[in-house]
Amino acid sequence: MIKKTLYFGNPVYLSLRNAQLVIKLPDVEKATDLPEILKKQVEVTKPIEDIGIVVLDNKQITITSSLLEALLENNCSVITCDSKGMPLGLMLPLHGNTTQNERFREQLAASLPLKKQLWQQTIQTKINNQASVLKDCMNEEVKCMRVWAADVRSGDPDNLEARAAAYYWKSLFANIYNFTRAREGISPNNLLNYGYAILRAVVARGLMTSGLLPTLGIHHHNRYNAYCLADDIMEPYRPYVDELVFGLVQEYGKNVELTKEVKTRLLTIPTLEVQIGGKRSPLMVAVGQTTASLYKCFSGELRRIAYPIR
C-alpha cells in the first residue's frame, strides 16, 4: 500500500490517540462556548500506519512528542519548513530495519570498485531518464544524451553527468531566458528545490527502511551533508520531478510561484507512476525496491541497482 503524504500549511494541533493522528483546529480547540461533542465532530483522524511523509509548513503548528514518536516508529519522514515555506529539516527514525547493524557493516565494507560501478549505473540511468524527459516534453530525440549515457565509465571519471546536465537544462527550459539550474536561481528553480526536497525525504526514508546509512554515499561525500547516499540514489528519480515542474511551468507560466496550490501538486511526487522491473509502480514503492536492491549489492547478492526507466 502506498503511504500517504500529509501537508499542514495552517495553524493546527497534531496529537496522538489510539494509534491515530488527531488533527484539531486551534480556534475550535480554544472555544469555550462549544460543547465537547461538537469539538470532536470537527476532529480529523488518520491511521499512523498509513502515513509516509508529514510536511509541517506553518509557525503555529503544535505537535506532541508522543505523535512524533509514533510517526518515527512507523518509519515516517517528518519535514519542517522555513519562513519562506521551503523544506528545511528532515526527521527520520534511528532504526528502520531489524538487521540494521549487520547491514551497516556491509555498507561500510563496500569496496571502492563496487561503489564506482554503482555510481556508473546511477548516472547512466539518470542521463537516459533525462533524455526521455526531453523527448516527451520537447518532442525531439536527443541522440547525444543516449551516447553520453552509454559512454559513462566506472565512477564517471569524464564527468559526463555534468555535460549531460548542461545540455538538459538548456533544452528543457529553452523558453526561459538565461535559465540555469541553481538553488538560488530564477523560477522554476524554486519548484525544483521544493520537489527535490520531497524526493530526498522519500529516498532517505527508503534507505532507513532498508537498514542503510543515508549519510555514507557511494559518490557524494560532503562532510557537512547528512544525506549523501540519499543524494546519490535520488539522481535517476530527479527527471520525474523535472517533468512535473515542466508541466507546472506550462500551466502557470515561467514565473510560477510556490503557492499552496503548486505545493499540493508537488506533494504528489511520492505517488507518481514510474516503471521499474518491467512493472508500473508508485514512486515511493519503487524507491523501496531501489534501496532494497542497493543493500543486496552491498551484501554481494546483486551487481545492479534496480532503478526506474522512463
C-alpha atoms as a PDB file:
ATOM      1  CA  MET A   1       0.000   0.000   0.000  1.00  0.00           C
ATOM      2  CA  ILE A   2       1.278   3.457  -0.936  1.00  0.00           C
ATOM      3  CA  LYS A   3       1.914   5.614   2.118  1.00  0.00           C
ATOM      4  CA  LYS A   4       0.189   8.991   2.336  1.00  0.00           C
ATOM      5  CA  THR A   5       1.855  12.404   2.327  1.00  0.00           C
ATOM      6  CA  LEU A   6       0.220  14.879   4.712  1.00  0.00           C
ATOM      7  CA  TYR A   7       0.802  18.632   4.313  1.00  0.00           C
ATOM      8  CA  PHE A   8      -0.060  21.152   7.021  1.00  0.00           C
ATOM      9  CA  GLY A   9       0.134  24.785   5.934  1.00  0.00           C
ATOM     10  CA  ASN A  10      -2.206  26.367   8.510  1.00  0.00           C
ATOM     11  CA  PRO A  11      -2.239  26.575  12.321  1.00  0.00           C
ATOM     12  CA  VAL A  12      -3.218  23.173  13.668  1.00  0.00           C
ATOM     13  CA  TYR A  13      -2.923  20.915  16.731  1.00  0.00           C
ATOM     14  CA  LEU A  14      -1.498  17.478  15.952  1.00  0.00           C
ATOM     15  CA  SER A  15      -1.642  14.752  18.582  1.00  0.00           C
ATOM     16  CA  LEU A  16      -1.906  11.003  19.040  1.00  0.00           C
ATOM     17  CA  ARG A  17      -4.854   8.927  20.216  1.00  0.00           C
ATOM     18  CA  ASN A  18      -5.387   5.186  19.788  1.00  0.00           C
ATOM     19  CA  ALA A  19      -2.628   4.894  17.139  1.00  0.00           C
ATOM     20  CA  GLN A  20      -4.316   7.668  15.154  1.00  0.00           C
ATOM     21  CA  LEU A  21      -3.013  11.088  14.195  1.00  0.00           C
ATOM     22  CA  VAL A  22      -5.579  13.564  15.518  1.00  0.00           C
ATOM     23  CA  ILE A  23      -5.952  16.902  13.703  1.00  0.00           C
ATOM     24  CA  LYS A  24      -7.609  19.779  15.560  1.00  0.00           C
ATOM     25  CA  LEU A  25      -8.069  23.447  14.616  1.00  0.00           C
ATOM     26  CA  PRO A  26      -6.818  25.917  17.287  1.00  0.00           C
ATOM     27  CA  ASP A  27      -9.904  28.153  17.099  1.00  0.00           C
ATOM     28  CA  VAL A  28     -12.165  25.176  17.741  1.00  0.00           C
ATOM     29  CA  GLU A  29      -9.912  23.803  20.471  1.00  0.00           C
ATOM     30  CA  LYS A  30      -9.823  27.134  22.334  1.00  0.00           C
ATOM     31  CA  ALA A  31     -13.537  27.845  22.010  1.00  0.00           C
ATOM     32  CA  THR A  32     -15.216  27.766  25.408  1.00  0.00           C
ATOM     33  CA  ASP A  33     -18.759  28.062  24.141  1.00  0.00           C
ATOM     34  CA  LEU A  34     -18.712  24.828  22.124  1.00  0.00           C
ATOM     35  CA  PRO A  35     -19.727  21.534  23.716  1.00  0.00           C
ATOM     36  CA  GLU A  36     -17.181  18.727  23.620  1.00  0.00           C
ATOM     37  CA  ILE A  37     -19.355  16.661  21.293  1.00  0.00           C
ATOM     38  CA  LEU A  38     -19.166  19.388  18.625  1.00  0.00           C
ATOM     39  CA  LYS A  39     -15.415  19.749  19.085  1.00  0.00           C
ATOM     40  CA  LYS A  40     -14.946  16.052  18.426  1.00  0.00           C
ATOM     41  CA  GLN A  41     -17.070  16.245  15.284  1.00  0.00           C
ATOM     42  CA  VAL A  42     -14.587  18.635  13.658  1.00  0.00           C
ATOM     43  CA  GLU A  43     -11.595  16.438  14.511  1.00  0.00           C
ATOM     44  CA  VAL A  44      -9.935  14.544  11.683  1.00  0.00           C
ATOM     45  CA  THR A  45      -8.005  11.338  12.336  1.00  0.00           C
ATOM     46  CA  LYS A  46      -5.531   9.403  10.191  1.00  0.00           C
ATOM     47  CA  PRO A  47      -4.097   5.931  10.944  1.00  0.00           C
ATOM     48  CA  ILE A  48      -0.396   6.265  11.731  1.00  0.00           C
ATOM     49  CA  GLU A  49       0.496   3.165   9.700  1.00  0.00           C
ATOM     50  CA  ASP A  50      -0.913   4.806   6.541  1.00  0.00           C
ATOM     51  CA  ILE A  51       1.426   7.833   6.709  1.00  0.00           C
ATOM     52  CA  GLY A  52       4.782   8.034   4.933  1.00  0.00           C
ATOM     53  CA  ILE A  53       5.617  11.754   4.955  1.00  0.00           C
ATOM     54  CA  VAL A  54       4.418  14.687   7.054  1.00  0.00           C
ATOM     55  CA  VAL A  55       5.196  18.257   5.953  1.00  0.00           C
ATOM     56  CA  LEU A  56       4.943  20.986   8.624  1.00  0.00           C
ATOM     57  CA  ASP A  57       4.709  24.389   6.904  1.00  0.00           C
ATOM     58  CA  ASN A  58       3.416  26.873   9.471  1.00  0.00           C
ATOM     59  CA  LYS A  59       4.926  28.550  12.552  1.00  0.00           C
ATOM     60  CA  GLN A  60       1.757  27.930  14.575  1.00  0.00           C
ATOM     61  CA  ILE A  61       1.634  24.156  14.316  1.00  0.00           C
ATOM     62  CA  THR A  62       1.660  22.315  17.621  1.00  0.00           C
ATOM     63  CA  ILE A  63       2.725  18.665  17.543  1.00  0.00           C
ATOM     64  CA  THR A  64       3.024  16.379  20.560  1.00  0.00           C
ATOM     65  CA  SER A  65       6.089  14.345  21.435  1.00  0.00           C
ATOM     66  CA  SER A  66       4.033  11.145  21.546  1.00  0.00           C
ATOM     67  CA  LEU A  67       2.863  11.736  17.966  1.00  0.00           C
ATOM     68  CA  LEU A  68       6.427  12.297  16.755  1.00  0.00           C
ATOM     69  CA  GLU A  69       7.459   9.080  18.489  1.00  0.00           C
ATOM     70  CA  ALA A  70       4.649   7.139  16.813  1.00  0.00           C
ATOM     71  CA  LEU A  71       5.441   8.576  13.372  1.00  0.00           C
ATOM     72  CA  LEU A  72       9.137   7.703  13.647  1.00  0.00           C
ATOM     73  CA  GLU A  73       8.370   4.220  14.961  1.00  0.00           C
ATOM     74  CA  ASN A  74       6.392   3.681  11.746  1.00  0.00           C
ATOM     75  CA  ASN A  75       9.277   4.868   9.516  1.00  0.00           C
ATOM     76  CA  CYS A  76       7.605   8.162   8.648  1.00  0.00           C
ATOM     77  CA  SER A  77       9.636  11.153   7.454  1.00  0.00           C
ATOM     78  CA  VAL A  78       8.795  14.478   9.095  1.00  0.00           C
ATOM     79  CA  ILE A  79       9.742  17.600   7.120  1.00  0.00           C
ATOM     80  CA  THR A  80       9.828  21.079   8.650  1.00  0.00           C
ATOM     81  CA  CYS A  81       9.799  24.236   6.515  1.00  0.00           C
ATOM     82  CA  ASP A  82      11.389  27.666   6.941  1.00  0.00           C
ATOM     83  CA  SER A  83       9.695  31.083   6.894  1.00  0.00           C
ATOM     84  CA  LYS A  84       9.670  31.012   3.085  1.00  0.00           C
ATOM     85  CA  GLY A  85       7.853  27.675   3.017  1.00  0.00           C
ATOM     86  CA  MET A  86      10.882  25.750   1.771  1.00  0.00           C
ATOM     87  CA  PRO A  87      11.784  22.371   3.356  1.00  0.00           C
ATOM     88  CA  LEU A  88      14.483  22.980   5.950  1.00  0.00           C
ATOM     89  CA  GLY A  89      14.714  19.965   8.253  1.00  0.00           C
ATOM     90  CA  LEU A  90      14.144  16.227   7.960  1.00  0.00           C
ATOM     91  CA  MET A  91      13.467  13.882  10.880  1.00  0.00           C
ATOM     92  CA  LEU A  92      13.984  10.139  10.394  1.00  0.00           C
ATOM     93  CA  PRO A  93      13.999   7.118  12.746  1.00  0.00           C
ATOM     94  CA  LEU A  94      17.356   5.963  14.082  1.00  0.00           C
ATOM     95  CA  HIS A  95      16.411   2.370  13.349  1.00  0.00           C
ATOM     96  CA  GLY A  96      14.446   1.166  10.342  1.00  0.00           C
ATOM     97  CA  ASN A  97      15.380  -2.480   9.934  1.00  0.00           C
ATOM     98  CA  THR A  98      15.681  -5.481  12.239  1.00  0.00           C
ATOM     99  CA  THR A  99      19.190  -6.367  10.979  1.00  0.00           C
ATOM    100  CA  GLN A 100      20.400  -2.781  10.796  1.00  0.00           C
ATOM    101  CA  ASN A 101      23.788  -3.319  12.468  1.00  0.00           C
ATOM    102  CA  GLU A 102      24.665  -6.113  10.045  1.00  0.00           C
ATOM    103  CA  ARG A 103      23.561  -4.003   7.088  1.00  0.00           C
ATOM    104  CA  PHE A 104      25.564  -1.002   8.291  1.00  0.00           C
ATOM    105  CA  ARG A 105      28.694  -3.161   8.436  1.00  0.00           C
ATOM    106  CA  GLU A 106      28.165  -4.487   4.903  1.00  0.00           C
ATOM    107  CA  GLN A 107      27.607  -0.972   3.627  1.00  0.00           C
ATOM    108  CA  LEU A 108      30.771   0.257   5.361  1.00  0.00           C
ATOM    109  CA  ALA A 109      32.744  -2.663   3.927  1.00  0.00           C
ATOM    110  CA  ALA A 110      31.739  -1.935   0.315  1.00  0.00           C
ATOM    111  CA  SER A 111      34.834  -1.716  -1.888  1.00  0.00           C
ATOM    112  CA  LEU A 112      35.722   1.372  -3.920  1.00  0.00           C
ATOM    113  CA  PRO A 113      35.418  -0.517  -7.267  1.00  0.00           C
ATOM    114  CA  LEU A 114      31.878  -1.615  -6.308  1.00  0.00           C
ATOM    115  CA  LYS A 115      30.860   1.931  -5.375  1.00  0.00           C
ATOM    116  CA  LYS A 116      32.277   3.241  -8.657  1.00  0.00           C
ATOM    117  CA  GLN A 117      30.310   0.638 -10.603  1.00  0.00           C
ATOM    118  CA  LEU A 118      27.131   1.522  -8.735  1.00  0.00           C
ATOM    119  CA  TRP A 119      27.716   5.207  -9.488  1.00  0.00           C
ATOM    120  CA  GLN A 120      28.209   4.353 -13.157  1.00  0.00           C
ATOM    121  CA  GLN A 121      24.820   2.601 -13.209  1.00  0.00           C
ATOM    122  CA  THR A 122      23.243   5.530 -11.392  1.00  0.00           C
ATOM    123  CA  ILE A 123      24.490   8.157 -13.850  1.00  0.00           C
ATOM    124  CA  GLN A 124      23.719   6.053 -16.908  1.00  0.00           C
ATOM    125  CA  THR A 125      20.111   5.696 -15.757  1.00  0.00           C
ATOM    126  CA  LYS A 126      19.849   9.370 -14.822  1.00  0.00           C
ATOM    127  CA  ILE A 127      21.047  10.581 -18.241  1.00  0.00           C
ATOM    128  CA  ASN A 128      18.779   8.142 -20.077  1.00  0.00           C
ATOM    129  CA  ASN A 129      15.816   9.296 -17.985  1.00  0.00           C
ATOM    130  CA  GLN A 130      16.709  12.920 -18.699  1.00  0.00           C
ATOM    131  CA  ALA A 131      16.803  12.112 -22.420  1.00  0.00           C
ATOM    132  CA  SER A 132      13.336  10.563 -22.180  1.00  0.00           C
ATOM    133  CA  VAL A 133      12.002  13.669 -20.432  1.00  0.00           C
ATOM    134  CA  LEU A 134      13.373  15.875 -23.225  1.00  0.00           C
ATOM    135  CA  LYS A 135      11.803  13.606 -25.823  1.00  0.00           C
ATOM    136  CA  ASP A 136       8.395  13.736 -24.135  1.00  0.00           C
ATOM    137  CA  CYS A 137       8.445  17.429 -23.200  1.00  0.00           C
ATOM    138  CA  MET A 138      10.183  18.913 -26.252  1.00  0.00           C
ATOM    139  CA  ASN A 139       9.098  16.265 -28.776  1.00  0.00           C
ATOM    140  CA  GLU A 140      12.611  15.663 -30.058  1.00  0.00           C
ATOM    141  CA  GLU A 141      15.055  12.784 -29.897  1.00  0.00           C
ATOM    142  CA  VAL A 142      18.365  13.674 -28.248  1.00  0.00           C
ATOM    143  CA  LYS A 143      20.894  11.180 -29.517  1.00  0.00           C
ATOM    144  CA  CYS A 144      23.805  12.942 -27.827  1.00  0.00           C
ATOM    145  CA  MET A 145      22.277  12.193 -24.415  1.00  0.00           C
ATOM    146  CA  ARG A 146      21.963   8.498 -25.276  1.00  0.00           C
ATOM    147  CA  VAL A 147      25.577   8.457 -26.439  1.00  0.00           C
ATOM    148  CA  TRP A 148      26.783  10.130 -23.249  1.00  0.00           C
ATOM    149  CA  ALA A 149      24.808   7.630 -21.145  1.00  0.00           C
ATOM    150  CA  ALA A 150      26.387   4.703 -22.986  1.00  0.00           C
ATOM    151  CA  ASP A 151      29.870   6.221 -22.586  1.00  0.00           C
ATOM    152  CA  VAL A 152      29.724   6.641 -18.791  1.00  0.00           C
ATOM    153  CA  ARG A 153      32.604   4.657 -17.287  1.00  0.00           C
ATOM    154  CA  SER A 154      33.032   3.278 -13.786  1.00  0.00           C
ATOM    155  CA  GLY A 155      32.948   6.214 -11.378  1.00  0.00           C
ATOM    156  CA  ASP A 156      32.158   8.629 -14.253  1.00  0.00           C
ATOM    157  CA  PRO A 157      35.741   9.994 -14.419  1.00  0.00           C
ATOM    158  CA  ASP A 158      34.859  12.023 -17.535  1.00  0.00           C
ATOM    159  CA  ASN A 159      32.043  13.775 -15.641  1.00  0.00           C
ATOM    160  CA  LEU A 160      29.513  13.058 -18.363  1.00  0.00           C
ATOM    161  CA  GLU A 161      26.834  13.731 -15.781  1.00  0.00           C
ATOM    162  CA  ALA A 162      27.759  17.435 -15.840  1.00  0.00           C
ATOM    163  CA  ARG A 163      27.963  17.567 -19.636  1.00  0.00           C
ATOM    164  CA  ALA A 164      24.539  15.980 -19.957  1.00  0.00           C
ATOM    165  CA  ALA A 165      23.097  18.285 -17.278  1.00  0.00           C
ATOM    166  CA  ALA A 166      24.259  21.431 -19.080  1.00  0.00           C
ATOM    167  CA  TYR A 167      22.588  20.301 -22.300  1.00  0.00           C
ATOM    168  CA  TYR A 168      19.500  19.057 -20.499  1.00  0.00           C
ATOM    169  CA  TRP A 169      18.675  22.242 -18.585  1.00  0.00           C
ATOM    170  CA  LYS A 170      19.388  24.469 -21.563  1.00  0.00           C
ATOM    171  CA  SER A 171      16.970  22.398 -23.646  1.00  0.00           C
ATOM    172  CA  LEU A 172      14.210  21.712 -21.112  1.00  0.00           C
ATOM    173  CA  PHE A 173      13.597  25.372 -20.271  1.00  0.00           C
ATOM    174  CA  ALA A 174      14.795  26.878 -23.530  1.00  0.00           C
ATOM    175  CA  ASN A 175      11.936  29.398 -23.493  1.00  0.00           C
ATOM    176  CA  ILE A 176      13.150  30.918 -20.201  1.00  0.00           C
ATOM    177  CA  TYR A 177      15.860  33.477 -20.914  1.00  0.00           C
ATOM    178  CA  ASN A 178      19.191  32.756 -19.230  1.00  0.00           C
ATOM    179  CA  PHE A 179      17.855  29.836 -17.197  1.00  0.00           C
ATOM    180  CA  THR A 180      20.430  27.780 -15.315  1.00  0.00           C
ATOM    181  CA  ARG A 181      19.864  25.173 -12.656  1.00  0.00           C
ATOM    182  CA  ALA A 182      20.895  26.841  -9.384  1.00  0.00           C
ATOM    183  CA  ARG A 183      19.481  26.645  -5.892  1.00  0.00           C
ATOM    184  CA  GLU A 184      19.081  30.421  -5.676  1.00  0.00           C
ATOM    185  CA  GLY A 185      18.309  30.847  -9.381  1.00  0.00           C
ATOM    186  CA  ILE A 186      15.257  32.208 -11.129  1.00  0.00           C
ATOM    187  CA  SER A 187      11.939  30.359 -11.347  1.00  0.00           C
ATOM    188  CA  PRO A 188      11.282  27.444 -11.740  1.00  0.00           C
ATOM    189  CA  ASN A 189      14.329  26.696  -9.563  1.00  0.00           C
ATOM    190  CA  ASN A 190      12.061  27.312  -6.571  1.00  0.00           C
ATOM    191  CA  LEU A 191       9.766  24.483  -7.709  1.00  0.00           C
ATOM    192  CA  LEU A 192      12.688  22.181  -8.438  1.00  0.00           C
ATOM    193  CA  ASN A 193      14.163  22.848  -4.983  1.00  0.00           C
ATOM    194  CA  TYR A 194      10.868  22.010  -3.307  1.00  0.00           C
ATOM    195  CA  GLY A 195      10.289  18.903  -5.407  1.00  0.00           C
ATOM    196  CA  TYR A 196      13.792  17.587  -4.833  1.00  0.00           C
ATOM    197  CA  ALA A 197      13.408  18.096  -1.075  1.00  0.00           C
ATOM    198  CA  ILE A 198      10.287  15.920  -1.099  1.00  0.00           C
ATOM    199  CA  LEU A 199      12.070  13.331  -3.250  1.00  0.00           C
ATOM    200  CA  ARG A 200      15.075  13.382  -0.913  1.00  0.00           C
ATOM    201  CA  ALA A 201      12.812  12.658   2.051  1.00  0.00           C
ATOM    202  CA  VAL A 202      11.229   9.722   0.209  1.00  0.00           C
ATOM    203  CA  VAL A 203      14.642   8.264  -0.661  1.00  0.00           C
ATOM    204  CA  ALA A 204      16.082   8.816   2.828  1.00  0.00           C
ATOM    205  CA  ARG A 205      13.063   7.048   4.289  1.00  0.00           C
ATOM    206  CA  GLY A 206      13.578   4.138   1.875  1.00  0.00           C
ATOM    207  CA  LEU A 207      17.233   3.851   2.840  1.00  0.00           C
ATOM    208  CA  MET A 208      16.406   3.747   6.543  1.00  0.00           C
ATOM    209  CA  THR A 209      13.717   1.124   5.930  1.00  0.00           C
ATOM    210  CA  SER A 210      16.294  -0.970   4.064  1.00  0.00           C
ATOM    211  CA  GLY A 211      18.695  -0.671   7.006  1.00  0.00           C
ATOM    212  CA  LEU A 212      21.228   1.600   5.303  1.00  0.00           C
ATOM    213  CA  LEU A 213      23.050   4.730   6.432  1.00  0.00           C
ATOM    214  CA  PRO A 214      21.763   7.730   4.437  1.00  0.00           C
ATOM    215  CA  THR A 215      24.944   9.620   5.373  1.00  0.00           C
ATOM    216  CA  LEU A 216      27.501   7.303   3.743  1.00  0.00           C
ATOM    217  CA  GLY A 217      27.302   7.829  -0.013  1.00  0.00           C
ATOM    218  CA  ILE A 218      28.662   5.848  -2.930  1.00  0.00           C
ATOM    219  CA  HIS A 219      29.781   9.094  -4.598  1.00  0.00           C
ATOM    220  CA  HIS A 220      28.707  12.206  -2.674  1.00  0.00           C
ATOM    221  CA  HIS A 221      30.914  12.741   0.364  1.00  0.00           C
ATOM    222  CA  ASN A 222      30.418  16.318   1.563  1.00  0.00           C
ATOM    223  CA  ARG A 223      31.457  16.368   5.201  1.00  0.00           C
ATOM    224  CA  TYR A 224      28.517  18.640   6.062  1.00  0.00           C
ATOM    225  CA  ASN A 225      25.872  16.555   4.263  1.00  0.00           C
ATOM    226  CA  ALA A 226      23.941  14.099   6.430  1.00  0.00           C
ATOM    227  CA  TYR A 227      22.195  12.535   3.405  1.00  0.00           C
ATOM    228  CA  CYS A 228      24.960  11.788   0.900  1.00  0.00           C
ATOM    229  CA  LEU A 229      23.582   8.345  -0.007  1.00  0.00           C
ATOM    230  CA  ALA A 230      20.081   9.754  -0.437  1.00  0.00           C
ATOM    231  CA  ASP A 231      21.512  12.360  -2.815  1.00  0.00           C
ATOM    232  CA  ASP A 232      23.238   9.568  -4.764  1.00  0.00           C
ATOM    233  CA  ILE A 233      20.231   7.276  -5.082  1.00  0.00           C
ATOM    234  CA  MET A 234      17.728  10.007  -5.930  1.00  0.00           C
ATOM    235  CA  GLU A 235      19.635  11.021  -9.097  1.00  0.00           C
ATOM    236  CA  PRO A 236      17.720   8.764 -11.556  1.00  0.00           C
ATOM    237  CA  TYR A 237      14.448   9.873  -9.931  1.00  0.00           C
ATOM    238  CA  ARG A 238      15.090  13.600 -10.425  1.00  0.00           C
ATOM    239  CA  PRO A 239      13.795  13.614 -14.032  1.00  0.00           C
ATOM    240  CA  TYR A 240      10.335  12.635 -12.764  1.00  0.00           C
ATOM    241  CA  VAL A 241      10.321  15.795 -10.664  1.00  0.00           C
ATOM    242  CA  ASP A 242      11.652  17.807 -13.627  1.00  0.00           C
ATOM    243  CA  GLU A 243       8.816  16.607 -15.850  1.00  0.00           C
ATOM    244  CA  LEU A 244       6.234  17.538 -13.217  1.00  0.00           C
ATOM    245  CA  VAL A 245       7.779  21.012 -12.866  1.00  0.00           C
ATOM    246  CA  PHE A 246       7.860  21.421 -16.659  1.00  0.00           C
ATOM    247  CA  GLY A 247       4.125  20.767 -16.719  1.00  0.00           C
ATOM    248  CA  LEU A 248       3.534  23.341 -13.978  1.00  0.00           C
ATOM    249  CA  VAL A 249       5.520  25.945 -15.920  1.00  0.00           C
ATOM    250  CA  GLN A 250       3.429  25.223 -18.996  1.00  0.00           C
ATOM    251  CA  GLU A 251       0.276  25.649 -16.919  1.00  0.00           C
ATOM    252  CA  TYR A 252       1.154  28.639 -14.712  1.00  0.00           C
ATOM    253  CA  GLY A 253       3.822  30.448 -16.766  1.00  0.00           C
ATOM    254  CA  LYS A 254       7.581  30.812 -16.500  1.00  0.00           C
ATOM    255  CA  ASN A 255       7.392  32.996 -13.371  1.00  0.00           C
ATOM    256  CA  VAL A 256       5.347  30.445 -11.443  1.00  0.00           C
ATOM    257  CA  GLU A 257       5.364  30.998  -7.688  1.00  0.00           C
ATOM    258  CA  LEU A 258       5.406  28.348  -4.994  1.00  0.00           C
ATOM    259  CA  THR A 259       1.785  28.776  -3.913  1.00  0.00           C
ATOM    260  CA  LYS A 260      -0.095  26.256  -1.799  1.00  0.00           C
ATOM    261  CA  GLU A 261      -1.822  25.038  -4.941  1.00  0.00           C
ATOM    262  CA  VAL A 262       1.529  24.402  -6.628  1.00  0.00           C
ATOM    263  CA  LYS A 263       2.904  22.770  -3.475  1.00  0.00           C
ATOM    264  CA  THR A 264      -0.084  20.438  -3.458  1.00  0.00           C
ATOM    265  CA  ARG A 265       0.830  19.319  -6.968  1.00  0.00           C
ATOM    266  CA  LEU A 266       4.474  18.807  -5.985  1.00  0.00           C
ATOM    267  CA  LEU A 267       3.406  16.750  -2.982  1.00  0.00           C
ATOM    268  CA  THR A 268       2.085  14.135  -5.425  1.00  0.00           C
ATOM    269  CA  ILE A 269       5.703  13.161  -6.156  1.00  0.00           C
ATOM    270  CA  PRO A 270       5.582  10.028  -3.931  1.00  0.00           C
ATOM    271  CA  THR A 271       2.590   8.755  -5.940  1.00  0.00           C
ATOM    272  CA  LEU A 272       3.937   9.496  -9.440  1.00  0.00           C
ATOM    273  CA  GLU A 273       3.772   6.417 -11.642  1.00  0.00           C
ATOM    274  CA  VAL A 274       7.153   5.015 -12.656  1.00  0.00           C
ATOM    275  CA  GLN A 275       8.251   1.852 -14.400  1.00  0.00           C
ATOM    276  CA  ILE A 276      10.687  -0.387 -12.589  1.00  0.00           C
ATOM    277  CA  GLY A 277      11.495  -4.027 -13.276  1.00  0.00           C
ATOM    278  CA  GLY A 278       9.080  -4.012 -16.198  1.00  0.00           C
ATOM    279  CA  LYS A 279       6.137  -3.068 -13.973  1.00  0.00           C
ATOM    280  CA  ARG A 280       4.368   0.193 -13.178  1.00  0.00           C
ATOM    281  CA  SER A 281       4.596   1.344  -9.599  1.00  0.00           C
ATOM    282  CA  PRO A 282       4.111   4.467  -7.432  1.00  0.00           C
ATOM    283  CA  LEU A 283       7.429   6.293  -6.993  1.00  0.00           C
ATOM    284  CA  MET A 284       7.571   5.677  -3.237  1.00  0.00           C
ATOM    285  CA  VAL A 285       7.153   1.927  -3.741  1.00  0.00           C
ATOM    286  CA  ALA A 286       9.778   1.958  -6.497  1.00  0.00           C
ATOM    287  CA  VAL A 287      12.221   3.737  -4.181  1.00  0.00           C
ATOM    288  CA  GLY A 288      11.776   0.881  -1.709  1.00  0.00           C
ATOM    289  CA  GLN A 289      12.740  -1.588  -4.447  1.00  0.00           C
ATOM    290  CA  THR A 290      15.753   0.546  -5.329  1.00  0.00           C
ATOM    291  CA  THR A 291      17.043   0.769  -1.765  1.00  0.00           C
ATOM    292  CA  ALA A 292      16.432  -2.945  -1.152  1.00  0.00           C
ATOM    293  CA  SER A 293      18.445  -3.793  -4.275  1.00  0.00           C
ATOM    294  CA  LEU A 294      21.226  -1.437  -3.144  1.00  0.00           C
ATOM    295  CA  TYR A 295      21.592  -3.394   0.076  1.00  0.00           C
ATOM    296  CA  LYS A 296      21.797  -6.609  -1.937  1.00  0.00           C
ATOM    297  CA  CYS A 297      24.605  -5.040  -3.959  1.00  0.00           C
ATOM    298  CA  PHE A 298      26.467  -4.295  -0.736  1.00  0.00           C
ATOM    299  CA  SER A 299      25.876  -7.857   0.517  1.00  0.00           C
ATOM    300  CA  GLY A 300      27.028  -9.415  -2.775  1.00  0.00           C
ATOM    301  CA  GLU A 301      23.633 -10.833  -3.796  1.00  0.00           C
ATOM    302  CA  LEU A 302      23.263  -8.457  -6.757  1.00  0.00           C
ATOM    303  CA  ARG A 303      25.528  -6.458  -9.050  1.00  0.00           C
ATOM    304  CA  ARG A 304      22.999  -3.909 -10.281  1.00  0.00           C
ATOM    305  CA  ILE A 305      20.717  -1.424  -8.545  1.00  0.00           C
ATOM    306  CA  ALA A 306      17.065  -1.582  -9.552  1.00  0.00           C
ATOM    307  CA  TYR A 307      16.241   1.859 -10.934  1.00  0.00           C
ATOM    308  CA  PRO A 308      13.139   3.145 -12.754  1.00  0.00           C
ATOM    309  CA  ILE A 309      13.412   3.588 -16.500  1.00  0.00           C
ATOM    310  CA  ARG A 310      11.308   6.127 -18.371  1.00  0.00           C
END
